[in-house]
Amino acid sequence: MSVKIKLYELCTAFVEQRIASSQKAIEHAQLAANEETKSSAGDKYETGRAMMQLEIEKQSVQLGEAMKLKQVLSQINPEKTSDSIQSGSLVFTDQGNFYISISAGKLDFEGITYFAISPVSPLGALLMTKKSGDVVQLNGKTFTIRKIE
């Protein structure tokens, strides 16, 4: 299995886990809101339901963000190669290895660390369309592109 395909699978698993986590939190908050019973204090019931509703809204936003990430990943062909950096490229630099896809953070595969970054992140945007041998600078750091897969 190629490194790019494995990194793509790791990013997919990252997104699926976020989706499942948000869905579970929404279900839990909905159940908690439904189980709130009116107490003699009166306000406690309304406060509890309002807090659960806020949690549902927060998790719904996170679910929406995770669904957007899933959509971005669905547009990447992990088997495609190019001479210039684009979404789905695996970029080896003298400052680290980057998988241009989604912001999923640090990914380890076969003892090598890769960073999944979005093409619209500060570094991702600088790397887009660059070629092997090109140099970019970010926050005083120089990145020399060694190889693109």
N, C-alpha and C. Protein backbone atom coordinates (compact mmCIF):
# COMPACT_ATOMS: atom_id res chain seq x y z
N MET A 1 0.85 -1.19 0.00
CA MET A 1 0.00 0.00 0.00
C MET A 1 0.89 1.25 0.00
N SER A 2 0.54 2.19 -0.84
CA SER A 2 1.35 3.40 -0.92
C SER A 2 1.12 4.27 0.32
N VAL A 3 2.10 5.11 0.62
CA VAL A 3 2.02 6.01 1.76
C VAL A 3 0.84 6.96 1.60
N LYS A 4 0.65 7.48 0.38
CA LYS A 4 -0.46 8.43 0.16
C LYS A 4 -1.81 7.78 0.43
N ILE A 5 -1.99 6.54 0.01
CA ILE A 5 -3.27 5.86 0.25
C ILE A 5 -3.47 5.66 1.75
N LYS A 6 -2.42 5.27 2.46
CA LYS A 6 -2.53 5.07 3.91
C LYS A 6 -2.84 6.39 4.61
N LEU A 7 -2.18 7.48 4.21
CA LEU A 7 -2.46 8.78 4.82
C LEU A 7 -3.89 9.22 4.53
N TYR A 8 -4.36 8.93 3.32
CA TYR A 8 -5.74 9.24 2.96
C TYR A 8 -6.70 8.47 3.88
N GLU A 9 -6.39 7.20 4.10
CA GLU A 9 -7.23 6.37 4.98
C GLU A 9 -7.19 6.89 6.42
N LEU A 10 -6.02 7.33 6.89
CA LEU A 10 -5.92 7.88 8.24
C LEU A 10 -6.74 9.17 8.37
N CYS A 11 -6.70 10.00 7.34
CA CYS A 11 -7.51 11.23 7.35
C CYS A 11 -9.01 10.89 7.34
N THR A 12 -9.38 9.89 6.55
CA THR A 12 -10.78 9.46 6.49
C THR A 12 -11.22 8.95 7.86
N ALA A 13 -10.39 8.15 8.51
CA ALA A 13 -10.72 7.64 9.84
C ALA A 13 -10.85 8.78 10.84
N PHE A 14 -9.98 9.79 10.74
CA PHE A 14 -10.03 10.97 11.60
C PHE A 14 -11.39 11.67 11.46
N VAL A 15 -11.83 11.86 10.21
CA VAL A 15 -13.11 12.54 9.95
C VAL A 15 -14.28 11.68 10.44
N GLU A 16 -14.24 10.39 10.16
CA GLU A 16 -15.33 9.49 10.59
C GLU A 16 -15.46 9.48 12.11
N GLN A 17 -14.31 9.52 12.80
CA GLN A 17 -14.33 9.53 14.26
C GLN A 17 -14.97 10.83 14.77
N ARG A 18 -14.64 11.95 14.13
CA ARG A 18 -15.24 13.23 14.53
C ARG A 18 -16.74 13.24 14.28
N ILE A 19 -17.16 12.67 13.15
CA ILE A 19 -18.59 12.60 12.85
C ILE A 19 -19.31 11.75 13.90
N ALA A 20 -18.76 10.57 14.18
CA ALA A 20 -19.38 9.66 15.15
C ALA A 20 -19.43 10.29 16.54
N SER A 21 -18.36 10.97 16.93
CA SER A 21 -18.30 11.60 18.24
C SER A 21 -19.35 12.70 18.36
N SER A 22 -19.50 13.52 17.33
CA SER A 22 -20.50 14.59 17.36
C SER A 22 -21.92 14.02 17.38
N GLN A 23 -22.16 12.99 16.58
CA GLN A 23 -23.48 12.37 16.55
C GLN A 23 -23.84 11.77 17.91
N LYS A 24 -22.87 11.11 18.54
CA LYS A 24 -23.10 10.51 19.85
C LYS A 24 -23.39 11.59 20.89
N ALA A 25 -22.64 12.70 20.85
CA ALA A 25 -22.85 13.79 21.80
C ALA A 25 -24.22 14.42 21.60
N ILE A 26 -24.65 14.56 20.34
CA ILE A 26 -25.98 15.11 20.07
C ILE A 26 -27.06 14.19 20.63
N GLU A 27 -26.92 12.89 20.39
CA GLU A 27 -27.89 11.92 20.91
C GLU A 27 -27.94 11.96 22.43
N HIS A 28 -26.76 12.02 23.06
CA HIS A 28 -26.69 12.05 24.52
C HIS A 28 -27.38 13.31 25.07
N ALA A 29 -27.10 14.45 24.46
CA ALA A 29 -27.71 15.71 24.91
C ALA A 29 -29.22 15.69 24.69
N GLN A 30 -29.66 15.09 23.58
CA GLN A 30 -31.09 15.01 23.30
C GLN A 30 -31.79 14.13 24.34
N LEU A 31 -31.16 13.00 24.66
CA LEU A 31 -31.73 12.11 25.69
C LEU A 31 -31.78 12.81 27.03
N ALA A 32 -30.72 13.51 27.39
CA ALA A 32 -30.68 14.23 28.67
C ALA A 32 -31.77 15.31 28.72
N ALA A 33 -31.97 16.00 27.61
CA ALA A 33 -33.01 17.03 27.56
C ALA A 33 -34.40 16.40 27.70
N ASN A 34 -34.59 15.25 27.05
CA ASN A 34 -35.89 14.58 27.11
C ASN A 34 -36.17 14.01 28.49
N GLU A 35 -35.12 13.66 29.24
CA GLU A 35 -35.29 13.06 30.56
C GLU A 35 -35.46 14.08 31.67
N GLU A 36 -35.18 15.36 31.36
CA GLU A 36 -35.36 16.40 32.38
C GLU A 36 -36.84 16.41 32.79
N THR A 37 -37.07 16.36 34.08
CA THR A 37 -38.46 16.41 34.56
C THR A 37 -38.68 17.73 35.29
N LYS A 38 -39.88 18.20 35.17
CA LYS A 38 -40.21 19.48 35.80
C LYS A 38 -40.11 19.32 37.32
N SER A 39 -39.30 20.14 37.94
CA SER A 39 -39.14 20.06 39.39
C SER A 39 -40.01 21.13 40.04
N SER A 40 -40.10 21.05 41.34
CA SER A 40 -40.89 22.05 42.06
C SER A 40 -40.26 23.43 41.94
N ALA A 41 -38.96 23.47 41.65
CA ALA A 41 -38.29 24.77 41.49
C ALA A 41 -38.69 25.44 40.18
N GLY A 42 -39.13 24.66 39.20
CA GLY A 42 -39.61 25.24 37.95
C GLY A 42 -38.50 25.66 37.02
N ASP A 43 -37.66 26.57 37.45
CA ASP A 43 -36.60 27.10 36.58
C ASP A 43 -35.52 26.07 36.27
N LYS A 44 -35.32 25.12 37.19
CA LYS A 44 -34.27 24.12 36.98
C LYS A 44 -34.53 23.34 35.70
N TYR A 45 -35.78 22.99 35.45
CA TYR A 45 -36.16 22.24 34.26
C TYR A 45 -35.81 23.04 32.99
N GLU A 46 -36.19 24.29 32.97
CA GLU A 46 -35.94 25.13 31.80
C GLU A 46 -34.43 25.36 31.60
N THR A 47 -33.71 25.58 32.68
CA THR A 47 -32.27 25.79 32.59
C THR A 47 -31.58 24.56 32.04
N GLY A 48 -31.93 23.39 32.55
CA GLY A 48 -31.35 22.14 32.08
C GLY A 48 -31.61 21.91 30.61
N ARG A 49 -32.84 22.15 30.19
CA ARG A 49 -33.19 21.96 28.77
C ARG A 49 -32.44 22.97 27.90
N ALA A 50 -32.31 24.20 28.37
CA ALA A 50 -31.60 25.23 27.60
C ALA A 50 -30.13 24.85 27.45
N MET A 51 -29.54 24.33 28.52
CA MET A 51 -28.13 23.92 28.44
C MET A 51 -27.96 22.76 27.46
N MET A 52 -28.88 21.83 27.48
CA MET A 52 -28.81 20.70 26.55
C MET A 52 -28.99 21.18 25.10
N GLN A 53 -29.88 22.14 24.91
CA GLN A 53 -30.09 22.68 23.57
C GLN A 53 -28.84 23.38 23.06
N LEU A 54 -28.15 24.11 23.93
CA LEU A 54 -26.88 24.74 23.54
C LEU A 54 -25.84 23.70 23.17
N GLU A 55 -25.80 22.60 23.92
CA GLU A 55 -24.85 21.53 23.62
C GLU A 55 -25.18 20.89 22.27
N ILE A 56 -26.46 20.69 22.00
CA ILE A 56 -26.88 20.12 20.71
C ILE A 56 -26.46 21.05 19.58
N GLU A 57 -26.67 22.35 19.75
CA GLU A 57 -26.28 23.31 18.72
C GLU A 57 -24.78 23.30 18.49
N LYS A 58 -23.99 23.26 19.58
CA LYS A 58 -22.53 23.24 19.47
C LYS A 58 -22.07 21.98 18.73
N GLN A 59 -22.62 20.85 19.09
CA GLN A 59 -22.24 19.59 18.44
C GLN A 59 -22.71 19.55 16.99
N SER A 60 -23.83 20.18 16.71
CA SER A 60 -24.31 20.23 15.33
C SER A 60 -23.35 21.03 14.44
N VAL A 61 -22.79 22.10 14.99
CA VAL A 61 -21.80 22.89 14.25
C VAL A 61 -20.57 22.02 13.99
N GLN A 62 -20.11 21.31 15.02
CA GLN A 62 -18.93 20.44 14.86
C GLN A 62 -19.21 19.33 13.86
N LEU A 63 -20.42 18.79 13.88
CA LEU A 63 -20.80 17.76 12.92
C LEU A 63 -20.77 18.33 11.50
N GLY A 64 -21.27 19.53 11.34
CA GLY A 64 -21.26 20.19 10.03
C GLY A 64 -19.83 20.39 9.52
N GLU A 65 -18.94 20.80 10.42
CA GLU A 65 -17.53 20.98 10.04
C GLU A 65 -16.91 19.65 9.62
N ALA A 66 -17.20 18.60 10.35
CA ALA A 66 -16.66 17.28 10.01
C ALA A 66 -17.21 16.80 8.67
N MET A 67 -18.47 17.10 8.39
CA MET A 67 -19.05 16.72 7.10
C MET A 67 -18.38 17.49 5.95
N LYS A 68 -18.00 18.75 6.20
CA LYS A 68 -17.27 19.52 5.18
C LYS A 68 -15.91 18.88 4.91
N LEU A 69 -15.23 18.43 5.97
CA LEU A 69 -13.95 17.75 5.80
C LEU A 69 -14.10 16.48 4.98
N LYS A 70 -15.18 15.76 5.25
CA LYS A 70 -15.46 14.53 4.50
C LYS A 70 -15.65 14.85 3.01
N GLN A 71 -16.33 15.95 2.74
CA GLN A 71 -16.55 16.39 1.35
C GLN A 71 -15.23 16.74 0.68
N VAL A 72 -14.36 17.43 1.40
CA VAL A 72 -13.04 17.80 0.86
C VAL A 72 -12.25 16.53 0.52
N LEU A 73 -12.26 15.58 1.45
CA LEU A 73 -11.53 14.33 1.21
C LEU A 73 -12.08 13.57 0.01
N SER A 74 -13.39 13.62 -0.17
CA SER A 74 -14.01 12.87 -1.28
C SER A 74 -13.55 13.39 -2.64
N GLN A 75 -13.01 14.61 -2.67
CA GLN A 75 -12.55 15.19 -3.93
C GLN A 75 -11.08 14.91 -4.22
N ILE A 76 -10.43 14.17 -3.31
CA ILE A 76 -9.01 13.84 -3.49
C ILE A 76 -8.88 12.42 -4.02
N ASN A 77 -8.06 12.26 -5.06
CA ASN A 77 -7.71 10.94 -5.57
C ASN A 77 -6.32 10.62 -5.03
N PRO A 78 -6.21 9.70 -4.03
CA PRO A 78 -4.91 9.45 -3.42
C PRO A 78 -3.91 8.77 -4.36
N GLU A 79 -4.36 8.31 -5.50
CA GLU A 79 -3.45 7.65 -6.45
C GLU A 79 -2.90 8.61 -7.50
N LYS A 80 -3.43 9.83 -7.54
CA LYS A 80 -3.00 10.81 -8.54
C LYS A 80 -1.65 11.42 -8.15
N THR A 81 -0.79 11.58 -9.13
CA THR A 81 0.50 12.24 -8.89
C THR A 81 0.59 13.46 -9.81
N SER A 82 1.44 14.40 -9.42
CA SER A 82 1.62 15.63 -10.19
C SER A 82 3.00 16.18 -9.91
N ASP A 83 3.52 16.95 -10.85
CA ASP A 83 4.82 17.59 -10.65
C ASP A 83 4.70 18.80 -9.74
N SER A 84 3.51 19.39 -9.68
CA SER A 84 3.30 20.55 -8.81
C SER A 84 2.35 20.15 -7.67
N ILE A 85 2.48 20.85 -6.56
CA ILE A 85 1.70 20.53 -5.36
C ILE A 85 0.24 20.93 -5.54
N GLN A 86 -0.65 20.02 -5.18
CA GLN A 86 -2.09 20.25 -5.21
C GLN A 86 -2.73 19.42 -4.11
N SER A 87 -4.04 19.54 -3.95
CA SER A 87 -4.72 18.73 -2.95
C SER A 87 -4.44 17.26 -3.24
N GLY A 88 -4.05 16.54 -2.19
CA GLY A 88 -3.73 15.13 -2.33
C GLY A 88 -2.24 14.87 -2.49
N SER A 89 -1.44 15.92 -2.63
CA SER A 89 0.01 15.75 -2.79
C SER A 89 0.66 15.39 -1.45
N LEU A 90 1.68 14.57 -1.55
CA LEU A 90 2.55 14.28 -0.40
C LEU A 90 3.84 15.03 -0.66
N VAL A 91 4.17 15.95 0.25
CA VAL A 91 5.30 16.86 0.06
C VAL A 91 6.37 16.59 1.11
N PHE A 92 7.56 16.31 0.61
CA PHE A 92 8.71 16.10 1.50
C PHE A 92 9.56 17.37 1.47
N THR A 93 9.78 17.97 2.64
CA THR A 93 10.62 19.17 2.73
C THR A 93 11.74 18.92 3.74
N ASP A 94 12.65 19.85 3.82
CA ASP A 94 13.72 19.73 4.80
C ASP A 94 13.23 20.04 6.22
N GLN A 95 11.96 20.50 6.34
CA GLN A 95 11.38 20.83 7.65
C GLN A 95 10.27 19.86 8.06
N GLY A 96 10.04 18.82 7.26
CA GLY A 96 8.99 17.86 7.59
C GLY A 96 8.26 17.40 6.35
N ASN A 97 7.38 16.43 6.56
CA ASN A 97 6.60 15.83 5.47
C ASN A 97 5.14 16.24 5.63
N PHE A 98 4.53 16.67 4.53
CA PHE A 98 3.18 17.21 4.59
C PHE A 98 2.27 16.54 3.57
N TYR A 99 1.08 16.14 4.05
CA TYR A 99 0.05 15.59 3.18
C TYR A 99 -0.99 16.69 3.01
N ILE A 100 -1.10 17.21 1.80
CA ILE A 100 -2.01 18.32 1.53
C ILE A 100 -3.43 17.76 1.35
N SER A 101 -4.26 17.93 2.36
CA SER A 101 -5.61 17.34 2.31
C SER A 101 -6.56 18.11 3.23
N ILE A 102 -6.57 17.72 4.50
CA ILE A 102 -7.38 18.39 5.51
C ILE A 102 -6.49 18.63 6.72
N SER A 103 -6.90 19.50 7.60
CA SER A 103 -6.14 19.74 8.83
C SER A 103 -6.45 18.64 9.83
N ALA A 104 -5.68 17.56 9.74
CA ALA A 104 -5.88 16.43 10.65
C ALA A 104 -4.71 16.27 11.61
N GLY A 105 -3.71 17.14 11.47
CA GLY A 105 -2.59 17.11 12.39
C GLY A 105 -1.56 16.05 12.07
N LYS A 106 -0.91 15.58 13.11
CA LYS A 106 0.21 14.65 12.99
C LYS A 106 -0.30 13.23 12.70
N LEU A 107 0.29 12.61 11.68
CA LEU A 107 -0.03 11.23 11.33
C LEU A 107 1.28 10.44 11.27
N ASP A 108 1.30 9.29 11.90
CA ASP A 108 2.49 8.44 11.87
C ASP A 108 2.19 7.20 11.05
N PHE A 109 3.13 6.86 10.17
CA PHE A 109 2.99 5.66 9.35
C PHE A 109 4.38 5.08 9.12
N GLU A 110 4.53 3.82 9.50
CA GLU A 110 5.80 3.10 9.35
C GLU A 110 6.98 3.88 9.93
N GLY A 111 6.76 4.45 11.12
CA GLY A 111 7.83 5.14 11.83
C GLY A 111 8.18 6.53 11.30
N ILE A 112 7.42 7.02 10.33
CA ILE A 112 7.68 8.34 9.77
C ILE A 112 6.50 9.25 10.11
N THR A 113 6.81 10.49 10.49
CA THR A 113 5.77 11.45 10.83
C THR A 113 5.42 12.31 9.62
N TYR A 114 4.12 12.46 9.41
CA TYR A 114 3.58 13.32 8.35
C TYR A 114 2.60 14.28 9.03
N PHE A 115 2.41 15.42 8.43
CA PHE A 115 1.42 16.36 8.93
C PHE A 115 0.38 16.58 7.84
N ALA A 116 -0.87 16.25 8.18
CA ALA A 116 -1.97 16.48 7.24
C ALA A 116 -2.39 17.93 7.41
N ILE A 117 -2.23 18.72 6.34
CA ILE A 117 -2.57 20.14 6.39
C ILE A 117 -3.53 20.49 5.25
N SER A 118 -4.32 21.49 5.49
CA SER A 118 -5.26 21.97 4.49
C SER A 118 -4.55 22.83 3.45
N PRO A 119 -5.00 22.79 2.20
CA PRO A 119 -4.40 23.66 1.19
C PRO A 119 -4.67 25.14 1.45
N VAL A 120 -5.58 25.47 2.35
CA VAL A 120 -5.85 26.87 2.68
C VAL A 120 -5.21 27.29 3.99
N SER A 121 -4.48 26.37 4.64
CA SER A 121 -3.73 26.74 5.84
C SER A 121 -2.57 27.65 5.39
N PRO A 122 -1.97 28.40 6.31
CA PRO A 122 -0.87 29.28 5.88
C PRO A 122 0.24 28.55 5.11
N LEU A 123 0.71 27.42 5.62
CA LEU A 123 1.76 26.69 4.92
C LEU A 123 1.22 26.02 3.66
N GLY A 124 0.03 25.44 3.76
CA GLY A 124 -0.57 24.79 2.60
C GLY A 124 -0.74 25.75 1.44
N ALA A 125 -1.19 26.96 1.73
CA ALA A 125 -1.40 27.96 0.67
C ALA A 125 -0.08 28.34 0.01
N LEU A 126 0.99 28.43 0.80
CA LEU A 126 2.30 28.75 0.24
C LEU A 126 2.83 27.61 -0.64
N LEU A 127 2.54 26.38 -0.25
CA LEU A 127 3.06 25.22 -0.98
C LEU A 127 2.31 24.96 -2.29
N MET A 128 1.04 25.33 -2.34
CA MET A 128 0.22 25.02 -3.52
C MET A 128 0.89 25.52 -4.80
N THR A 129 0.89 24.67 -5.80
CA THR A 129 1.42 24.89 -7.16
C THR A 129 2.95 24.93 -7.22
N LYS A 130 3.65 24.80 -6.07
CA LYS A 130 5.11 24.79 -6.09
C LYS A 130 5.60 23.45 -6.64
N LYS A 131 6.87 23.42 -7.02
CA LYS A 131 7.48 22.23 -7.57
C LYS A 131 8.69 21.81 -6.73
N SER A 132 9.17 20.61 -6.97
CA SER A 132 10.34 20.11 -6.28
C SER A 132 11.51 21.07 -6.50
N GLY A 133 12.22 21.41 -5.42
CA GLY A 133 13.33 22.35 -5.50
C GLY A 133 12.94 23.76 -5.11
N ASP A 134 11.64 24.08 -5.15
CA ASP A 134 11.18 25.41 -4.76
C ASP A 134 11.36 25.61 -3.26
N VAL A 135 11.39 26.88 -2.86
CA VAL A 135 11.57 27.25 -1.46
C VAL A 135 10.44 28.20 -1.06
N VAL A 136 9.85 27.97 0.13
CA VAL A 136 8.85 28.89 0.68
C VAL A 136 9.28 29.27 2.08
N GLN A 137 8.81 30.43 2.53
CA GLN A 137 9.12 30.89 3.87
C GLN A 137 7.84 31.19 4.63
N LEU A 138 7.83 30.79 5.91
CA LEU A 138 6.68 31.04 6.77
C LEU A 138 7.20 31.26 8.19
N ASN A 139 6.83 32.37 8.79
CA ASN A 139 7.22 32.69 10.17
C ASN A 139 8.72 32.54 10.40
N GLY A 140 9.51 33.01 9.48
CA GLY A 140 10.95 32.98 9.62
C GLY A 140 11.59 31.63 9.33
N LYS A 141 10.77 30.64 8.98
CA LYS A 141 11.29 29.31 8.66
C LYS A 141 11.31 29.13 7.15
N THR A 142 12.36 28.52 6.65
CA THR A 142 12.48 28.24 5.22
C THR A 142 12.21 26.76 4.98
N PHE A 143 11.33 26.47 4.03
CA PHE A 143 10.99 25.10 3.66
C PHE A 143 11.47 24.85 2.24
N THR A 144 12.39 23.92 2.06
CA THR A 144 12.86 23.55 0.73
C THR A 144 12.15 22.26 0.33
N ILE A 145 11.46 22.30 -0.79
CA ILE A 145 10.71 21.13 -1.24
C ILE A 145 11.68 20.14 -1.89
N ARG A 146 11.77 18.96 -1.29
CA ARG A 146 12.69 17.94 -1.78
C ARG A 146 12.04 17.01 -2.79
N LYS A 147 10.79 16.63 -2.51
CA LYS A 147 10.11 15.66 -3.37
C LYS A 147 8.60 15.82 -3.25
N ILE A 148 7.90 15.53 -4.35
CA ILE A 148 6.43 15.58 -4.36
C ILE A 148 5.94 14.24 -4.89
N GLU A 149 4.98 13.66 -4.19
CA GLU A 149 4.36 12.41 -4.67
C GLU A 149 2.88 12.65 -4.84
